[in-house]
């Protein structure tokens, strides 16, 4: 008689053998799952205290409404400036990638001139064929010298508004009326 036939015949005559095998398998799987859960809890405790922060749920460009969700992470993994309370209708100051922990410099409340970094001044610069977009890092040049590095905070058909450090704003603004200011795109870091 074939082995499979013998096993089937044994199981038909003695169903307790089948149910014993099922019970033993369930116990072994239960012990394995319990051990895995216990090890996972130990790993979580090893990371220490946890805190809830906001994480971008979609990639947004500067000036767009930020889409974010609250997530809990170990404190050791959270940036010091992480946002724990997201302002209503928060707007991105800079590009924020999906899954990125949102920090204070990434957002501003809607309706505020938040694209201009704190302590900087926004200067409109006439540019007929501007290639810069909001959020681009740029350098302002006039008369063959570099006046300041800045960031584009707005664009129009005839001008680009560039935020520059306050100590360089006067030099940039002084060069604007003569049409001497030209902006150049800076390479992204990295």
Foldseek 3Di string as FASTA:
>chain_A
DDPVVVVVVVCVVPVVVVVVVVVVVVVVVVVVVVVVVVVVVVVQPVLPDKAKFWFFQAKDAAFAFTHIDIDIDRPVPDDPQFHRDAAPRWGALGIHHGGHGDGPLGTDHPPDLSVADPQWDKDKAFDQDDPADARFWKWKDFPHDTQFIFGFHDDDNTITITITHPVSVVVRNVRRVVNRIDMDTDDDDD
